[in-house]
Amino acid sequence: MRVADLLEAEGRSLSRAVRLEGAELKTHVARLGLGAGLLVMSALLVMVGVLGVLYGLFLWLQPLTGTPASAALTGVVAIIAGGVAIWKARAVIAQ
């Protein structure tokens, strides 16, 4: 009877440990997924921002200067937004 009680206690202990470790793994996987999503989004924003700045610079060099300033400003804003998203992604992954 004592061996059966010992096996039952070990089984309960193992079940509890697996459940707790599974919950912790789920949390880490969720954080990693969120961080990866933010990283992809920020990379796209940076690419759009760089293209906007380059396009704005190109247009600025042309004689008319109406649209380029707004294109360059939009590009700078996109680069800043992408940088903030990368910073947030690093903070999420580092936790």
C-alpha atoms as a PDB file:
ATOM      1  CA  MET A   1       0.000   0.000   0.000  1.00  0.00           C
ATOM      2  CA  ARG A   2       2.841   2.424   0.732  1.00  0.00           C
ATOM      3  CA  VAL A   3       4.345   2.002  -2.749  1.00  0.00           C
ATOM      4  CA  ALA A   4       0.981   2.857  -4.322  1.00  0.00           C
ATOM      5  CA  ASP A   5       0.707   5.973  -2.139  1.00  0.00           C
ATOM      6  CA  LEU A   6       4.225   7.002  -3.112  1.00  0.00           C
ATOM      7  CA  LEU A   7       3.470   6.534  -6.815  1.00  0.00           C
ATOM      8  CA  GLU A   8       0.254   8.522  -6.488  1.00  0.00           C
ATOM      9  CA  ALA A   9       2.073  11.393  -4.738  1.00  0.00           C
ATOM     10  CA  GLU A  10       4.825  11.405  -7.368  1.00  0.00           C
ATOM     11  CA  GLY A  11       2.217  11.413 -10.135  1.00  0.00           C
ATOM     12  CA  ARG A  12       0.444  14.401  -8.605  1.00  0.00           C
ATOM     13  CA  SER A  13       3.735  16.218  -8.175  1.00  0.00           C
ATOM     14  CA  LEU A  14       4.710  15.542 -11.785  1.00  0.00           C
ATOM     15  CA  SER A  15       1.290  16.670 -13.032  1.00  0.00           C
ATOM     16  CA  ARG A  16       1.523  19.925 -11.077  1.00  0.00           C
ATOM     17  CA  ALA A  17       5.068  20.586 -12.318  1.00  0.00           C
ATOM     18  CA  VAL A  18       4.094  19.961 -15.958  1.00  0.00           C
ATOM     19  CA  ARG A  19       1.078  22.264 -15.629  1.00  0.00           C
ATOM     20  CA  LEU A  20       3.161  25.091 -14.116  1.00  0.00           C
ATOM     21  CA  GLU A  21       5.979  24.737 -16.645  1.00  0.00           C
ATOM     22  CA  GLY A  22       3.445  24.671 -19.487  1.00  0.00           C
ATOM     23  CA  ALA A  23       1.902  27.937 -18.295  1.00  0.00           C
ATOM     24  CA  GLU A  24       5.335  29.549 -18.085  1.00  0.00           C
ATOM     25  CA  LEU A  25       6.251  28.301 -21.562  1.00  0.00           C
ATOM     26  CA  LYS A  26       2.994  29.708 -22.935  1.00  0.00           C
ATOM     27  CA  THR A  27       3.821  33.122 -21.459  1.00  0.00           C
ATOM     28  CA  HIS A  28       7.310  33.148 -22.979  1.00  0.00           C
ATOM     29  CA  VAL A  29       6.045  32.035 -26.387  1.00  0.00           C
ATOM     30  CA  ALA A  30       3.387  34.781 -26.333  1.00  0.00           C
ATOM     31  CA  ARG A  31       6.004  37.416 -25.488  1.00  0.00           C
ATOM     32  CA  LEU A  32       8.294  36.147 -28.215  1.00  0.00           C
ATOM     33  CA  GLY A  33       5.483  36.229 -30.760  1.00  0.00           C
ATOM     34  CA  LEU A  34       4.489  39.760 -29.779  1.00  0.00           C
ATOM     35  CA  GLY A  35       8.098  40.919 -29.942  1.00  0.00           C
ATOM     36  CA  ALA A  36       8.608  39.327 -33.349  1.00  0.00           C
ATOM     37  CA  GLY A  37       5.435  40.947 -34.654  1.00  0.00           C
ATOM     38  CA  LEU A  38       6.526  44.356 -33.390  1.00  0.00           C
ATOM     39  CA  LEU A  39       9.955  43.829 -34.913  1.00  0.00           C
ATOM     40  CA  VAL A  40       8.501  43.030 -38.335  1.00  0.00           C
ATOM     41  CA  MET A  41       6.156  46.011 -38.128  1.00  0.00           C
ATOM     42  CA  SER A  42       8.959  48.349 -37.110  1.00  0.00           C
ATOM     43  CA  ALA A  43      11.223  47.091 -39.884  1.00  0.00           C
ATOM     44  CA  LEU A  44       8.502  47.848 -42.412  1.00  0.00           C
ATOM     45  CA  LEU A  45       7.977  51.318 -40.943  1.00  0.00           C
ATOM     46  CA  VAL A  46      11.701  52.040 -41.116  1.00  0.00           C
ATOM     47  CA  MET A  47      11.821  50.918 -44.744  1.00  0.00           C
ATOM     48  CA  VAL A  48       8.850  53.120 -45.613  1.00  0.00           C
ATOM     49  CA  GLY A  49      10.460  55.997 -43.736  1.00  0.00           C
ATOM     50  CA  VAL A  50      13.771  55.667 -45.525  1.00  0.00           C
ATOM     51  CA  LEU A  51      12.004  55.543 -48.867  1.00  0.00           C
ATOM     52  CA  GLY A  52       9.957  58.602 -47.928  1.00  0.00           C
ATOM     53  CA  VAL A  53      13.040  60.570 -46.903  1.00  0.00           C
ATOM     54  CA  LEU A  54      14.880  59.623 -50.068  1.00  0.00           C
ATOM     55  CA  TYR A  55      11.876  60.465 -52.202  1.00  0.00           C
ATOM     56  CA  GLY A  56      11.476  63.751 -50.355  1.00  0.00           C
ATOM     57  CA  LEU A  57      15.135  64.587 -50.846  1.00  0.00           C
ATOM     58  CA  PHE A  58      14.830  63.805 -54.534  1.00  0.00           C
ATOM     59  CA  LEU A  59      11.825  66.042 -54.917  1.00  0.00           C
ATOM     60  CA  TRP A  60      13.440  68.751 -52.810  1.00  0.00           C
ATOM     61  CA  LEU A  61      16.335  68.920 -55.213  1.00  0.00           C
ATOM     62  CA  GLN A  62      13.941  69.662 -58.027  1.00  0.00           C
ATOM     63  CA  PRO A  63      13.050  73.316 -58.597  1.00  0.00           C
ATOM     64  CA  LEU A  64       9.624  73.174 -57.014  1.00  0.00           C
ATOM     65  CA  THR A  65       9.643  72.653 -53.251  1.00  0.00           C
ATOM     66  CA  GLY A  66       5.997  72.167 -52.367  1.00  0.00           C
ATOM     67  CA  THR A  67       5.542  68.417 -51.900  1.00  0.00           C
ATOM     68  CA  PRO A  68       9.058  67.345 -50.890  1.00  0.00           C
ATOM     69  CA  ALA A  69       8.972  68.942 -47.479  1.00  0.00           C
ATOM     70  CA  SER A  70       5.839  67.043 -46.592  1.00  0.00           C
ATOM     71  CA  ALA A  71       7.268  63.787 -47.996  1.00  0.00           C
ATOM     72  CA  ALA A  72      10.492  64.208 -46.029  1.00  0.00           C
ATOM     73  CA  LEU A  73       8.578  65.049 -42.871  1.00  0.00           C
ATOM     74  CA  THR A  74       6.382  61.991 -43.348  1.00  0.00           C
ATOM     75  CA  GLY A  75       9.487  59.843 -43.814  1.00  0.00           C
ATOM     76  CA  VAL A  76      11.114  61.174 -40.662  1.00  0.00           C
ATOM     77  CA  VAL A  77       7.945  60.503 -38.700  1.00  0.00           C
ATOM     78  CA  ALA A  78       7.837  56.916 -40.056  1.00  0.00           C
ATOM     79  CA  ILE A  79      11.494  56.359 -39.094  1.00  0.00           C
ATOM     80  CA  ILE A  80      10.849  57.647 -35.584  1.00  0.00           C
ATOM     81  CA  ALA A  81       7.764  55.433 -35.266  1.00  0.00           C
ATOM     82  CA  GLY A  82       9.763  52.419 -36.467  1.00  0.00           C
ATOM     83  CA  GLY A  83      12.535  53.165 -33.975  1.00  0.00           C
ATOM     84  CA  VAL A  84      10.038  53.391 -31.130  1.00  0.00           C
ATOM     85  CA  ALA A  85       8.492  50.078 -32.218  1.00  0.00           C
ATOM     86  CA  ILE A  86      11.935  48.415 -32.281  1.00  0.00           C
ATOM     87  CA  TRP A  87      12.658  49.799 -28.816  1.00  0.00           C
ATOM     88  CA  LYS A  88       9.332  48.437 -27.545  1.00  0.00           C
ATOM     89  CA  ALA A  89       9.997  45.041 -29.172  1.00  0.00           C
ATOM     90  CA  ARG A  90      13.381  44.793 -27.474  1.00  0.00           C
ATOM     91  CA  ALA A  91      11.795  45.674 -24.140  1.00  0.00           C
ATOM     92  CA  VAL A  92       9.140  42.980 -24.568  1.00  0.00           C
ATOM     93  CA  ILE A  93      11.627  40.287 -25.610  1.00  0.00           C
ATOM     94  CA  ALA A  94      14.087  41.197 -22.820  1.00  0.00           C
ATOM     95  CA  GLN A  95      11.532  40.604 -20.047  1.00  0.00           C
END
